[in-house]
Amino acid sequence: MSRPVRPMLLAVTVVQIDGLSGTGKSSLCAELVDRGYCAVDSDAEFAYFGDPVTGEPTDVQVRDNWIWDVSKLRDFCAAKHDVPVFICGGALNQNNVLTCSTSASC
């Protein structure tokens, strides 16, 4: 007698690699990709200068306006599944974004 097949729920493991400017986050990201891991440089893919309250882009280029595009990052994670995802970099709103629950794979 066969058992019903249940869909498997996969949890995403998101690892953020953060640090001060010039500490090697982008270099580490490139090395992770070269070794076959799912890694993304958040500065290149998700970050922009925007109003931290509204998310609207701004020409005021100060540290407090360096934020991640929440939709882009969540879409990136949602398109993945069953492998760890390394997000290399940081932004003012990173704590809000990294608490999202989704599934992930490259």
Protein backbone atom coordinates (compact mmCIF):
# COMPACT_ATOMS: atom_id res chain seq x y z
CA MET A 1 0.00 0.00 0.00
CA SER A 2 1.46 3.36 -0.99
CA ARG A 3 1.49 6.34 1.29
CA PRO A 4 0.29 9.74 0.10
CA VAL A 5 3.08 12.02 -1.03
CA ARG A 6 3.35 15.17 1.02
CA PRO A 7 5.06 18.27 -0.33
CA MET A 8 8.29 19.01 1.46
CA LEU A 9 8.66 22.44 3.02
CA LEU A 10 12.18 23.70 2.64
CA ALA A 11 13.62 26.29 4.97
CA VAL A 12 16.06 28.83 3.65
CA THR A 13 19.36 29.32 5.35
CA VAL A 14 20.42 32.90 4.72
CA VAL A 15 23.89 33.84 5.89
CA GLN A 16 24.74 37.52 5.91
CA ILE A 17 28.40 38.45 5.61
CA ASP A 18 28.76 42.00 6.90
CA GLY A 19 31.66 44.22 7.85
CA LEU A 20 33.32 47.58 7.45
CA SER A 21 34.18 48.99 4.04
CA GLY A 22 37.23 47.35 2.51
CA THR A 23 37.19 44.20 4.66
CA GLY A 24 36.73 41.83 1.70
CA LYS A 25 33.00 41.12 1.53
CA SER A 26 32.89 41.41 -2.27
CA SER A 27 36.04 39.30 -2.63
CA LEU A 28 34.58 36.63 -0.35
CA CYS A 29 31.36 36.69 -2.37
CA ALA A 30 33.30 36.07 -5.60
CA GLU A 31 35.22 33.21 -3.95
CA LEU A 32 31.99 31.60 -2.70
CA VAL A 33 30.51 31.77 -6.21
CA ASP A 34 33.73 30.31 -7.68
CA ARG A 35 33.37 27.39 -5.25
CA GLY A 36 29.79 26.76 -6.37
CA TYR A 37 27.88 28.42 -3.53
CA CYS A 38 24.83 30.63 -3.93
CA ALA A 39 26.24 34.06 -3.01
CA VAL A 40 25.32 37.59 -3.98
CA ASP A 41 27.02 40.96 -3.47
CA SER A 42 24.19 42.97 -1.93
CA ASP A 43 25.80 46.29 -2.91
CA ALA A 44 25.65 45.34 -6.58
CA GLU A 45 22.27 43.58 -6.56
CA PHE A 46 19.96 45.11 -3.95
CA ALA A 47 21.35 48.32 -2.44
CA TYR A 48 20.65 51.92 -3.38
CA PHE A 49 20.37 55.35 -1.78
CA GLY A 50 16.79 55.72 -0.64
CA ASP A 51 14.64 57.30 2.03
CA PRO A 52 14.73 54.84 4.95
CA VAL A 53 11.07 55.51 5.77
CA THR A 54 9.45 55.48 2.32
CA GLY A 55 12.02 53.51 0.31
CA GLU A 56 11.88 56.15 -2.43
CA PRO A 57 15.22 56.71 -4.20
CA THR A 58 17.11 59.85 -3.16
CA ASP A 59 20.07 61.84 -4.39
CA VAL A 60 21.22 62.35 -0.79
CA GLN A 61 24.12 59.90 -0.65
CA VAL A 62 24.76 59.42 3.06
CA ARG A 63 25.23 56.21 5.05
CA ASP A 64 21.78 56.42 6.62
CA ASN A 65 20.20 56.31 3.14
CA TRP A 66 22.00 53.13 2.00
CA ILE A 67 19.16 50.58 1.97
CA TRP A 68 18.25 47.31 0.32
CA ASP A 69 15.40 46.91 -2.14
CA VAL A 70 13.24 44.62 -0.02
CA SER A 71 11.21 43.27 -2.96
CA LYS A 72 14.31 42.42 -4.98
CA LEU A 73 15.95 40.59 -2.09
CA ARG A 74 12.82 38.63 -1.21
CA ASP A 75 12.31 37.69 -4.88
CA PHE A 76 15.92 36.50 -5.01
CA CYS A 77 15.41 34.28 -1.96
CA ALA A 78 12.01 33.04 -3.15
CA ALA A 79 13.53 31.88 -6.45
CA LYS A 80 15.91 29.59 -4.57
CA HIS A 81 15.50 26.30 -2.69
CA ASP A 82 17.43 23.77 -0.59
CA VAL A 83 20.89 25.38 -0.38
CA PRO A 84 22.34 28.11 1.83
CA VAL A 85 22.25 31.63 0.41
CA PHE A 86 25.09 34.03 1.27
CA ILE A 87 24.22 37.74 1.23
CA CYS A 88 27.49 39.68 1.22
CA GLY A 89 27.14 43.27 2.41
CA GLY A 90 24.95 45.38 4.60
CA ALA A 91 22.41 48.18 4.60
CA LEU A 92 20.53 50.33 7.06
CA ASN A 93 17.36 48.22 6.75
CA GLN A 94 19.09 44.82 6.76
CA ASN A 95 17.49 43.67 10.01
CA ASN A 96 13.99 44.15 8.59
CA VAL A 97 14.83 42.26 5.43
CA LEU A 98 16.72 39.29 6.84
CA THR A 99 13.86 38.29 9.10
CA CYS A 100 11.79 37.29 6.07
CA SER A 101 10.95 33.60 5.90
CA THR A 102 11.18 32.02 2.46
CA SER A 103 12.66 29.06 0.61
CA ALA A 104 15.99 29.20 -1.47
CA SER A 105 18.84 27.48 -4.29
CA CYS A 106 21.22 28.58 -6.98
